[in-house]
C-alpha atoms as a PDB file:
ATOM      1  CA  MET A   1     113.055-102.269 162.692  1.00  0.00           C
ATOM      2  CA  THR A   2     109.729-102.023 164.496  1.00  0.00           C
ATOM      3  CA  HIS A   3     106.595-101.829 162.346  1.00  0.00           C
ATOM      4  CA  ILE A   4     103.457-100.520 164.054  1.00  0.00           C
ATOM      5  CA  GLU A   5      99.916-100.360 162.675  1.00  0.00           C
ATOM      6  CA  GLY A   6      96.875 -98.748 164.226  1.00  0.00           C
ATOM      7  CA  THR A   7      94.228 -96.065 163.930  1.00  0.00           C
ATOM      8  CA  PHE A   8      93.734 -92.509 165.072  1.00  0.00           C
ATOM      9  CA  THR A   9      90.600 -90.375 165.156  1.00  0.00           C
ATOM     10  CA  GLY A  10      90.442 -87.818 162.385  1.00  0.00           C
ATOM     11  CA  ALA A  11      87.942 -85.104 161.540  1.00  0.00           C
ATOM     12  CA  GLY A  12      84.342 -85.987 162.290  1.00  0.00           C
ATOM     13  CA  GLY A  13      85.346 -88.964 164.423  1.00  0.00           C
ATOM     14  CA  LEU A  14      86.534 -91.098 161.492  1.00  0.00           C
ATOM     15  CA  ASN A  15      89.084 -93.740 162.528  1.00  0.00           C
ATOM     16  CA  LEU A  16      91.945 -93.540 160.040  1.00  0.00           C
ATOM     17  CA  TYR A  17      94.527 -96.263 159.469  1.00  0.00           C
ATOM     18  CA  TYR A  18      98.186 -95.439 160.017  1.00  0.00           C
ATOM     19  CA  GLN A  19     101.490 -97.278 160.145  1.00  0.00           C
ATOM     20  CA  SER A  20     104.966 -96.391 161.318  1.00  0.00           C
ATOM     21  CA  TRP A  21     108.442 -97.814 160.993  1.00  0.00           C
ATOM     22  CA  GLN A  22     110.907 -97.213 163.830  1.00  0.00           C
ATOM     23  CA  PRO A  23     114.665 -97.611 163.297  1.00  0.00           C
ATOM     24  CA  GLU A  24     116.942 -99.585 165.556  1.00  0.00           C
ATOM     25  CA  GLY A  25     119.145 -97.453 167.773  1.00  0.00           C
ATOM     26  CA  GLU A  26     119.222 -93.680 167.983  1.00  0.00           C
ATOM     27  CA  LEU A  27     116.435 -91.747 166.310  1.00  0.00           C
ATOM     28  CA  ARG A  28     117.549 -88.669 164.349  1.00  0.00           C
ATOM     29  CA  ALA A  29     114.296 -87.291 162.942  1.00  0.00           C
ATOM     30  CA  VAL A  30     110.749 -88.122 161.905  1.00  0.00           C
ATOM     31  CA  ILE A  31     109.412 -88.146 158.355  1.00  0.00           C
ATOM     32  CA  ALA A  32     105.628 -88.067 157.945  1.00  0.00           C
ATOM     33  CA  MET A  33     104.323 -89.051 154.525  1.00  0.00           C
ATOM     34  CA  VAL A  34     101.077 -88.152 152.742  1.00  0.00           C
ATOM     35  CA  HIS A  35     100.249 -90.328 149.750  1.00  0.00           C
ATOM     36  CA  GLY A  36      98.569 -89.366 146.491  1.00  0.00           C
ATOM     37  CA  PHE A  37      95.120 -89.815 144.989  1.00  0.00           C
ATOM     38  CA  GLY A  38      93.907 -93.400 144.855  1.00  0.00           C
ATOM     39  CA  ALA A  39      96.998 -94.639 146.694  1.00  0.00           C
ATOM     40  CA  HIS A  40      97.737 -95.608 150.314  1.00  0.00           C
ATOM     41  CA  SER A  41     100.417 -95.501 153.003  1.00  0.00           C
ATOM     42  CA  GLY A  42     101.996 -98.799 151.984  1.00  0.00           C
ATOM     43  CA  LEU A  43     103.422 -97.460 148.729  1.00  0.00           C
ATOM     44  CA  PHE A  44     106.578 -95.903 150.202  1.00  0.00           C
ATOM     45  CA  ASN A  45     108.398 -99.165 150.912  1.00  0.00           C
ATOM     46  CA  ASP A  46     111.554 -98.300 148.962  1.00  0.00           C
ATOM     47  CA  ALA A  47     111.838 -94.998 150.809  1.00  0.00           C
ATOM     48  CA  VAL A  48     111.210 -96.651 154.182  1.00  0.00           C
ATOM     49  CA  GLN A  49     113.944 -99.216 153.579  1.00  0.00           C
ATOM     50  CA  HIS A  50     116.351 -96.458 152.578  1.00  0.00           C
ATOM     51  CA  LEU A  51     115.583 -94.097 155.467  1.00  0.00           C
ATOM     52  CA  LEU A  52     115.411 -96.482 158.422  1.00  0.00           C
ATOM     53  CA  PRO A  53     119.147 -97.383 158.510  1.00  0.00           C
ATOM     54  CA  LEU A  54     119.895 -93.643 158.490  1.00  0.00           C
ATOM     55  CA  GLY A  55     118.033 -93.177 161.775  1.00  0.00           C
ATOM     56  CA  TYR A  56     114.732 -91.785 160.504  1.00  0.00           C
ATOM     57  CA  ALA A  57     111.357 -92.900 161.825  1.00  0.00           C
ATOM     58  CA  VAL A  58     108.673 -92.949 159.136  1.00  0.00           C
ATOM     59  CA  TYR A  59     104.972 -92.385 159.706  1.00  0.00           C
ATOM     60  CA  ALA A  60     102.197 -92.546 157.111  1.00  0.00           C
ATOM     61  CA  PHE A  61      98.425 -92.811 157.138  1.00  0.00           C
ATOM     62  CA  ASP A  62      95.714 -93.674 154.650  1.00  0.00           C
ATOM     63  CA  LEU A  63      93.683 -90.630 153.685  1.00  0.00           C
ATOM     64  CA  ARG A  64      89.960 -90.867 154.327  1.00  0.00           C
ATOM     65  CA  GLY A  65      88.333 -92.804 151.520  1.00  0.00           C
ATOM     66  CA  HIS A  66      91.646 -94.454 150.655  1.00  0.00           C
ATOM     67  CA  GLY A  67      93.437 -97.712 151.439  1.00  0.00           C
ATOM     68  CA  ARG A  68      92.441 -99.198 154.778  1.00  0.00           C
ATOM     69  CA  SER A  69      90.740 -96.033 156.035  1.00  0.00           C
ATOM     70  CA  PRO A  70      86.921 -95.846 155.926  1.00  0.00           C
ATOM     71  CA  GLY A  71      84.820 -93.430 153.947  1.00  0.00           C
ATOM     72  CA  GLN A  72      83.486 -93.262 150.412  1.00  0.00           C
ATOM     73  CA  ARG A  73      86.345 -93.807 148.000  1.00  0.00           C
ATOM     74  CA  GLY A  74      87.848 -90.491 146.931  1.00  0.00           C
ATOM     75  CA  HIS A  75      85.337 -88.312 148.777  1.00  0.00           C
ATOM     76  CA  ILE A  76      85.596 -85.441 151.256  1.00  0.00           C
ATOM     77  CA  ASN A  77      82.996 -83.003 152.514  1.00  0.00           C
ATOM     78  CA  SER A  78      85.558 -80.210 152.636  1.00  0.00           C
ATOM     79  CA  TRP A  79      89.309 -79.759 152.320  1.00  0.00           C
ATOM     80  CA  ALA A  80      89.371 -78.820 155.988  1.00  0.00           C
ATOM     81  CA  GLU A  81      88.820 -82.515 156.793  1.00  0.00           C
ATOM     82  CA  LEU A  82      92.110 -83.436 155.126  1.00  0.00           C
ATOM     83  CA  ARG A  83      93.902 -80.597 156.879  1.00  0.00           C
ATOM     84  CA  GLU A  84      92.477 -81.578 160.272  1.00  0.00           C
ATOM     85  CA  ASP A  85      93.349 -85.243 159.723  1.00  0.00           C
ATOM     86  CA  LEU A  86      96.966 -84.333 158.977  1.00  0.00           C
ATOM     87  CA  HIS A  87      97.151 -81.854 161.859  1.00  0.00           C
ATOM     88  CA  THR A  88      95.893 -84.462 164.323  1.00  0.00           C
ATOM     89  CA  PHE A  89      98.308 -87.064 162.965  1.00  0.00           C
ATOM     90  CA  LEU A  90     101.349 -84.785 163.229  1.00  0.00           C
ATOM     91  CA  THR A  91     100.323 -83.527 166.652  1.00  0.00           C
ATOM     92  CA  ARG A  92     100.114 -87.059 168.021  1.00  0.00           C
ATOM     93  CA  ILE A  93     103.525 -87.911 166.559  1.00  0.00           C
ATOM     94  CA  GLN A  94     105.158 -84.781 167.914  1.00  0.00           C
ATOM     95  CA  GLU A  95     103.657 -85.268 171.374  1.00  0.00           C
ATOM     96  CA  ARG A  96     105.743 -88.436 171.603  1.00  0.00           C
ATOM     97  CA  GLY A  97     108.955 -86.653 170.629  1.00  0.00           C
ATOM     98  CA  PRO A  98     108.626 -82.915 171.235  1.00  0.00           C
ATOM     99  CA  SER A  99     112.325 -82.208 170.568  1.00  0.00           C
ATOM    100  CA  CYS A 100     112.480 -84.219 167.375  1.00  0.00           C
ATOM    101  CA  ALA A 101     112.707 -82.661 163.926  1.00  0.00           C
ATOM    102  CA  CYS A 102     109.685 -83.456 161.782  1.00  0.00           C
ATOM    103  CA  PHE A 103     109.821 -83.381 157.985  1.00  0.00           C
ATOM    104  CA  LEU A 104     106.588 -83.580 155.988  1.00  0.00           C
ATOM    105  CA  TRP A 105     106.648 -85.406 152.639  1.00  0.00           C
ATOM    106  CA  GLY A 106     103.665 -85.153 150.302  1.00  0.00           C
ATOM    107  CA  HIS A 107     103.352 -86.922 146.961  1.00  0.00           C
ATOM    108  CA  SER A 108     101.033 -85.795 144.151  1.00  0.00           C
ATOM    109  CA  LEU A 109      97.655 -84.965 145.771  1.00  0.00           C
ATOM    110  CA  GLY A 110      99.430 -85.482 149.086  1.00  0.00           C
ATOM    111  CA  ALA A 111     101.819 -82.679 148.127  1.00  0.00           C
ATOM    112  CA  ALA A 112      98.894 -80.279 147.790  1.00  0.00           C
ATOM    113  CA  ILE A 113      97.684 -81.378 151.229  1.00  0.00           C
ATOM    114  CA  ALA A 114     101.187 -80.981 152.659  1.00  0.00           C
ATOM    115  CA  VAL A 115     101.939 -77.515 151.274  1.00  0.00           C
ATOM    116  CA  ASP A 116      98.505 -76.231 152.320  1.00  0.00           C
ATOM    117  CA  TYR A 117      99.338 -77.457 155.824  1.00  0.00           C
ATOM    118  CA  ALA A 118     102.859 -75.999 155.813  1.00  0.00           C
ATOM    119  CA  LEU A 119     101.539 -72.578 154.836  1.00  0.00           C
ATOM    120  CA  ARG A 120      99.208 -72.617 157.845  1.00  0.00           C
ATOM    121  CA  PHE A 121     101.395 -74.378 160.445  1.00  0.00           C
ATOM    122  CA  PRO A 122     105.025 -73.652 159.509  1.00  0.00           C
ATOM    123  CA  GLN A 123     106.225 -73.687 163.114  1.00  0.00           C
ATOM    124  CA  SER A 124     105.552 -77.426 163.431  1.00  0.00           C
ATOM    125  CA  LEU A 125     107.878 -78.488 160.590  1.00  0.00           C
ATOM    126  CA  GLN A 126     111.614 -78.518 159.953  1.00  0.00           C
ATOM    127  CA  GLY A 127     111.187 -79.171 156.271  1.00  0.00           C
ATOM    128  CA  LEU A 128     108.709 -79.783 153.455  1.00  0.00           C
ATOM    129  CA  ILE A 129     109.291 -82.366 150.723  1.00  0.00           C
ATOM    130  CA  LEU A 130     107.073 -82.325 147.635  1.00  0.00           C
ATOM    131  CA  THR A 131     107.323 -85.028 144.980  1.00  0.00           C
ATOM    132  CA  ALA A 132     105.367 -84.827 141.724  1.00  0.00           C
ATOM    133  CA  PRO A 133     103.134 -82.193 143.334  1.00  0.00           C
ATOM    134  CA  ALA A 134      99.607 -81.722 142.036  1.00  0.00           C
ATOM    135  CA  LEU A 135     100.116 -77.989 141.575  1.00  0.00           C
ATOM    136  CA  GLY A 136      99.284 -76.001 138.480  1.00  0.00           C
ATOM    137  CA  LYS A 137      98.018 -78.042 135.563  1.00  0.00           C
ATOM    138  CA  VAL A 138      96.914 -81.593 136.327  1.00  0.00           C
ATOM    139  CA  ASN A 139      96.156 -83.843 133.385  1.00  0.00           C
ATOM    140  CA  LEU A 140      92.547 -84.786 134.086  1.00  0.00           C
ATOM    141  CA  PRO A 141      89.832 -85.166 131.427  1.00  0.00           C
ATOM    142  CA  VAL A 142      88.328 -81.704 130.853  1.00  0.00           C
ATOM    143  CA  LEU A 143      84.729 -82.938 130.784  1.00  0.00           C
ATOM    144  CA  LYS A 144      85.122 -84.753 134.102  1.00  0.00           C
ATOM    145  CA  VAL A 145      86.643 -81.686 135.727  1.00  0.00           C
ATOM    146  CA  ALA A 146      83.758 -79.529 134.494  1.00  0.00           C
ATOM    147  CA  LEU A 147      81.223 -82.116 135.671  1.00  0.00           C
ATOM    148  CA  GLY A 148      82.788 -82.283 139.113  1.00  0.00           C
ATOM    149  CA  ARG A 149      82.685 -78.510 139.562  1.00  0.00           C
ATOM    150  CA  MET A 150      79.089 -78.334 138.400  1.00  0.00           C
ATOM    151  CA  LEU A 151      77.820 -81.113 140.676  1.00  0.00           C
ATOM    152  CA  SER A 152      79.812 -80.237 143.794  1.00  0.00           C
ATOM    153  CA  GLN A 153      76.982 -78.275 145.413  1.00  0.00           C
ATOM    154  CA  VAL A 154      73.968 -80.273 144.230  1.00  0.00           C
ATOM    155  CA  TRP A 155      75.366 -83.830 144.300  1.00  0.00           C
ATOM    156  CA  PRO A 156      78.672 -83.652 146.205  1.00  0.00           C
ATOM    157  CA  ASN A 157      79.240 -87.401 146.566  1.00  0.00           C
ATOM    158  CA  PHE A 158      78.640 -88.106 142.869  1.00  0.00           C
ATOM    159  CA  SER A 159      81.491 -90.451 141.994  1.00  0.00           C
ATOM    160  CA  LEU A 160      83.158 -91.554 138.798  1.00  0.00           C
ATOM    161  CA  LYS A 161      86.485 -92.897 137.623  1.00  0.00           C
ATOM    162  CA  VAL A 162      88.896 -90.006 137.403  1.00  0.00           C
ATOM    163  CA  GLY A 163      90.513 -91.362 134.263  1.00  0.00           C
ATOM    164  CA  LEU A 164      94.205 -91.268 135.158  1.00  0.00           C
ATOM    165  CA  ASP A 165      96.298 -93.530 132.952  1.00  0.00           C
ATOM    166  CA  GLN A 166      98.026 -95.928 135.359  1.00  0.00           C
ATOM    167  CA  GLY A 167     100.528 -96.689 132.604  1.00  0.00           C
ATOM    168  CA  THR A 168     101.979 -93.229 133.185  1.00  0.00           C
ATOM    169  CA  SER A 169     102.774 -93.913 136.857  1.00  0.00           C
ATOM    170  CA  LEU A 170     105.481 -96.577 136.703  1.00  0.00           C
ATOM    171  CA  ARG A 171     107.603 -98.340 134.096  1.00  0.00           C
ATOM    172  CA  GLY A 172     108.793-101.874 133.464  1.00  0.00           C
ATOM    173  CA  GLN A 173     108.315-104.516 136.145  1.00  0.00           C
ATOM    174  CA  ASN A 174     107.298-101.823 138.641  1.00  0.00           C
ATOM    175  CA  TYR A 175     104.032-101.361 136.717  1.00  0.00           C
ATOM    176  CA  ILE A 176     102.595-104.344 138.608  1.00  0.00           C
ATOM    177  CA  LEU A 177     102.416-102.073 141.673  1.00  0.00           C
ATOM    178  CA  THR A 178      99.572-100.169 139.994  1.00  0.00           C
ATOM    179  CA  GLN A 179      97.449-103.337 140.208  1.00  0.00           C
ATOM    180  CA  ASP A 180      97.450-103.148 144.010  1.00  0.00           C
ATOM    181  CA  PRO A 181      93.901-103.970 145.243  1.00  0.00           C
ATOM    182  CA  LEU A 182      94.134-101.199 147.853  1.00  0.00           C
ATOM    183  CA  ARG A 183      94.399 -98.600 145.109  1.00  0.00           C
ATOM    184  CA  HIS A 184      91.328 -97.070 143.527  1.00  0.00           C
ATOM    185  CA  GLU A 185      90.431 -94.714 140.669  1.00  0.00           C
ATOM    186  CA  TYR A 186      87.332 -92.954 141.997  1.00  0.00           C
ATOM    187  CA  GLY A 187      86.844 -89.333 142.945  1.00  0.00           C
ATOM    188  CA  THR A 188      83.742 -87.352 143.820  1.00  0.00           C
ATOM    189  CA  ALA A 189      82.465 -84.007 142.624  1.00  0.00           C
ATOM    190  CA  ARG A 190      83.186 -82.383 146.001  1.00  0.00           C
ATOM    191  CA  LEU A 191      86.774 -83.654 146.109  1.00  0.00           C
ATOM    192  CA  ALA A 192      87.398 -82.188 142.653  1.00  0.00           C
ATOM    193  CA  ALA A 193      85.941 -78.797 143.541  1.00  0.00           C
ATOM    194  CA  GLU A 194      87.759 -78.621 146.872  1.00  0.00           C
ATOM    195  CA  PHE A 195      91.055 -79.644 145.304  1.00  0.00           C
ATOM    196  CA  PHE A 196      90.959 -76.972 142.608  1.00  0.00           C
ATOM    197  CA  ALA A 197      89.978 -74.286 145.115  1.00  0.00           C
ATOM    198  CA  THR A 198      92.830 -75.298 147.437  1.00  0.00           C
ATOM    199  CA  GLU A 199      95.347 -75.531 144.619  1.00  0.00           C
ATOM    200  CA  LYS A 200      94.472 -71.985 143.570  1.00  0.00           C
ATOM    201  CA  TRP A 201      94.838 -70.763 147.175  1.00  0.00           C
ATOM    202  CA  VAL A 202      98.223 -72.459 147.490  1.00  0.00           C
ATOM    203  CA  GLU A 203      99.441 -70.879 144.269  1.00  0.00           C
ATOM    204  CA  ASN A 204      98.353 -67.439 145.477  1.00  0.00           C
ATOM    205  CA  HIS A 205     100.139 -67.862 148.816  1.00  0.00           C
ATOM    206  CA  ALA A 206     103.327 -69.614 147.679  1.00  0.00           C
ATOM    207  CA  SER A 207     105.445 -66.545 148.441  1.00  0.00           C
ATOM    208  CA  GLU A 208     104.404 -66.819 152.103  1.00  0.00           C
ATOM    209  CA  LEU A 209     105.939 -70.253 152.645  1.00  0.00           C
ATOM    210  CA  GLN A 210     108.361 -70.148 155.601  1.00  0.00           C
ATOM    211  CA  VAL A 211     109.567 -73.767 155.685  1.00  0.00           C
ATOM    212  CA  PRO A 212     112.706 -75.258 154.068  1.00  0.00           C
ATOM    213  CA  LEU A 213     111.519 -76.728 150.777  1.00  0.00           C
ATOM    214  CA  LEU A 214     112.649 -79.620 148.618  1.00  0.00           C
ATOM    215  CA  ILE A 215     110.628 -80.106 145.445  1.00  0.00           C
ATOM    216  CA  MET A 216     111.269 -83.073 143.143  1.00  0.00           C
ATOM    217  CA  TYR A 217     109.598 -83.620 139.802  1.00  0.00           C
ATOM    218  CA  SER A 218     109.989 -85.480 136.531  1.00  0.00           C
ATOM    219  CA  SER A 219     110.028 -84.227 132.969  1.00  0.00           C
ATOM    220  CA  GLY A 220     108.232 -87.417 131.916  1.00  0.00           C
ATOM    221  CA  ASP A 221     105.318 -86.964 134.324  1.00  0.00           C
ATOM    222  CA  ARG A 222     102.067 -86.971 132.344  1.00  0.00           C
ATOM    223  CA  ILE A 223      99.814 -86.766 135.407  1.00  0.00           C
ATOM    224  CA  THR A 224     101.270 -83.715 137.146  1.00  0.00           C
ATOM    225  CA  PRO A 225     103.410 -82.028 134.464  1.00  0.00           C
ATOM    226  CA  PRO A 226     106.680 -80.405 135.599  1.00  0.00           C
ATOM    227  CA  GLU A 227     105.571 -76.899 134.650  1.00  0.00           C
ATOM    228  CA  GLY A 228     103.462 -76.724 137.805  1.00  0.00           C
ATOM    229  CA  SER A 229     106.416 -77.613 140.022  1.00  0.00           C
ATOM    230  CA  VAL A 230     108.682 -75.078 138.309  1.00  0.00           C
ATOM    231  CA  ALA A 231     106.105 -72.286 138.587  1.00  0.00           C
ATOM    232  CA  PHE A 232     105.444 -72.978 142.266  1.00  0.00           C
ATOM    233  CA  PHE A 233     109.156 -73.128 143.081  1.00  0.00           C
ATOM    234  CA  GLN A 234     109.733 -69.755 141.437  1.00  0.00           C
ATOM    235  CA  LYS A 235     106.974 -68.166 143.521  1.00  0.00           C
ATOM    236  CA  VAL A 236     108.511 -69.308 146.807  1.00  0.00           C
ATOM    237  CA  SER A 237     110.612 -66.470 148.227  1.00  0.00           C
ATOM    238  CA  PHE A 238     111.946 -68.359 151.263  1.00  0.00           C
ATOM    239  CA  PRO A 239     115.707 -68.694 150.592  1.00  0.00           C
ATOM    240  CA  ASP A 240     116.085 -72.276 151.814  1.00  0.00           C
ATOM    241  CA  LYS A 241     114.665 -74.076 148.800  1.00  0.00           C
ATOM    242  CA  GLU A 242     115.965 -76.669 146.353  1.00  0.00           C
ATOM    243  CA  SER A 243     114.505 -78.427 143.337  1.00  0.00           C
ATOM    244  CA  TYR A 244     115.508 -81.543 141.412  1.00  0.00           C
ATOM    245  CA  GLU A 245     114.297 -82.683 138.017  1.00  0.00           C
ATOM    246  CA  TYR A 246     114.436 -86.343 136.925  1.00  0.00           C
ATOM    247  CA  PRO A 247     114.424 -86.499 133.122  1.00  0.00           C
ATOM    248  CA  GLY A 248     112.145 -89.124 131.643  1.00  0.00           C
ATOM    249  CA  ASP A 249     110.895 -90.627 134.916  1.00  0.00           C
ATOM    250  CA  TYR A 250     107.201 -91.276 135.410  1.00  0.00           C
ATOM    251  CA  HIS A 251     104.784 -89.900 138.012  1.00  0.00           C
ATOM    252  CA  ASP A 252     105.640 -92.216 140.916  1.00  0.00           C
ATOM    253  CA  PHE A 253     109.379 -91.766 140.425  1.00  0.00           C
ATOM    254  CA  HIS A 254     110.159 -92.613 144.071  1.00  0.00           C
ATOM    255  CA  GLN A 255     109.175 -96.163 143.011  1.00  0.00           C
ATOM    256  CA  ASP A 256     110.264 -95.955 139.380  1.00  0.00           C
ATOM    257  CA  ILE A 257     113.355 -97.426 137.740  1.00  0.00           C
ATOM    258  CA  ASN A 258     115.661 -94.662 139.033  1.00  0.00           C
ATOM    259  CA  TYR A 259     114.252 -94.563 142.558  1.00  0.00           C
ATOM    260  CA  GLN A 260     117.679 -95.011 144.165  1.00  0.00           C
ATOM    261  CA  LYS A 261     118.932 -91.733 142.669  1.00  0.00           C
ATOM    262  CA  VAL A 262     115.836 -89.959 143.986  1.00  0.00           C
ATOM    263  CA  LEU A 263     116.290 -91.348 147.492  1.00  0.00           C
ATOM    264  CA  VAL A 264     119.995 -90.476 147.611  1.00  0.00           C
ATOM    265  CA  ASP A 265     119.161 -86.873 146.672  1.00  0.00           C
ATOM    266  CA  LEU A 266     116.520 -86.840 149.401  1.00  0.00           C
ATOM    267  CA  GLU A 267     119.024 -88.268 151.883  1.00  0.00           C
ATOM    268  CA  HIS A 268     121.572 -85.548 151.128  1.00  0.00           C
ATOM    269  CA  TRP A 269     118.987 -82.793 151.577  1.00  0.00           C
ATOM    270  CA  LEU A 270     117.866 -84.229 154.915  1.00  0.00           C
ATOM    271  CA  GLU A 271     121.457 -84.548 156.093  1.00  0.00           C
ATOM    272  CA  LYS A 272     122.130 -80.881 155.339  1.00  0.00           C
ATOM    273  CA  HIS A 273     119.163 -79.866 157.451  1.00  0.00           C
ATOM    274  CA  LEU A 274     120.195 -82.046 160.385  1.00  0.00           C
ATOM    275  CA  ASP A 275     123.982 -81.671 160.452  1.00  0.00           C
ATOM    276  CA  GLY A 276     124.305 -77.919 160.648  1.00  0.00           C
ATOM    277  CA  GLU A 277     124.999 -76.970 157.042  1.00  0.00           C
ATOM    278  CA  ILE A 278     121.670 -75.154 157.158  1.00  0.00           C
ATOM    279  CA  ASP A 279     120.989 -72.789 160.069  1.00  0.00           C
ATOM    280  CA  ASN A 280     118.092 -74.685 161.617  1.00  0.00           C
ATOM    281  CA  PRO A 281     118.793 -75.008 165.359  1.00  0.00           C
ATOM    282  CA  ALA A 282     115.475 -76.723 166.101  1.00  0.00           C
ATOM    283  CA  SER A 283     116.300 -79.653 163.846  1.00  0.00           C
ATOM    284  CA  LYS A 284     117.803 -81.942 166.475  1.00  0.00           C
ATOM    285  CA  CYS A 285     116.138 -85.041 167.839  1.00  0.00           C
ATOM    286  CA  LEU A 286     117.075 -84.946 171.506  1.00  0.00           C
ATOM    287  CA  ILE A 287     115.068 -87.941 172.707  1.00  0.00           C
ATOM    288  CA  LYS A 288     113.980 -91.216 171.247  1.00  0.00           C
ATOM    289  CA  ILE A 289     110.306 -91.402 170.385  1.00  0.00           C
ATOM    290  CA  PRO A 290     108.836 -94.344 172.320  1.00  0.00           C
ATOM    291  CA  SER A 291     107.104 -97.079 170.398  1.00  0.00           C
ATOM    292  CA  LEU A 292     103.340 -96.943 170.630  1.00  0.00           C
ATOM    293  CA  HIS A 293     102.334 -99.600 173.122  1.00  0.00           C
ATOM    294  CA  THR A 294      98.832 -99.924 171.738  1.00  0.00           C
ATOM    295  CA  GLU A 295      97.560-100.038 168.196  1.00  0.00           C
ATOM    296  CA  THR A 296      95.504 -96.907 168.610  1.00  0.00           C
ATOM    297  CA  PHE A 297      96.613 -93.332 169.182  1.00  0.00           C
ATOM    298  CA  THR A 298      95.292 -92.007 172.477  1.00  0.00           C
ATOM    299  CA  MET A 299      93.299 -88.855 171.793  1.00  0.00           C
END
């Protein structure tokens, strides 16, 4: 395994932190990950360790205002910044392996970012993976949501703790992961307003999705309840779609007690889209993506 860390230039010239994990031997496909609110790119370790031996390269970056990336914690000026950051990131990856299948995986808030992107740039992806997507109802304190919407135009960078119960993310000994110092709990008024506007747009355009979809959710998720995932899945008319429910698991179920079951289901879906069971002729990685020789993407 080769682990690479570096930065790339996102919207507005902000240098965003990224990391990648390259498998030994032949590369089969690329998986780009987008983390959730308050999280960072280092929280997919179980998935990375599962996917690397299968021949997948994994890329992830810290959203602006998150993890090791700069910016006010949990703040954006517009949703377009998040979309441009992701577009630049995927473009740089794909420039290094233009014949390689690229799957986009978004978790929670990252799922909203990912599906918004997939609706606008479907030709760049061979598949879309959404886990615990922040679609439909999200369990945020009503007063804080109302405050965020009200202040978005007059005080956009007004910040406060969002109020998510970290005890609803992971169970048992895995709960210690929520104490990670790179995590945070702050969001700004503008982020809240932009998120709800984007989520509504995504819901209204779900039937236009033209990318193979895998959506995974948990019945025990008290942050992004499963009803939102079910409703979104039903609106998608593209025939290549699958959904999996994990009874009783918590919000971050890719790290939760039953994470191995989740990752095996993900593996099987990926295999179908690479080995010809699904008619997707572009999903072949014909060349090996070279390792980045510097720690910074060349723009």
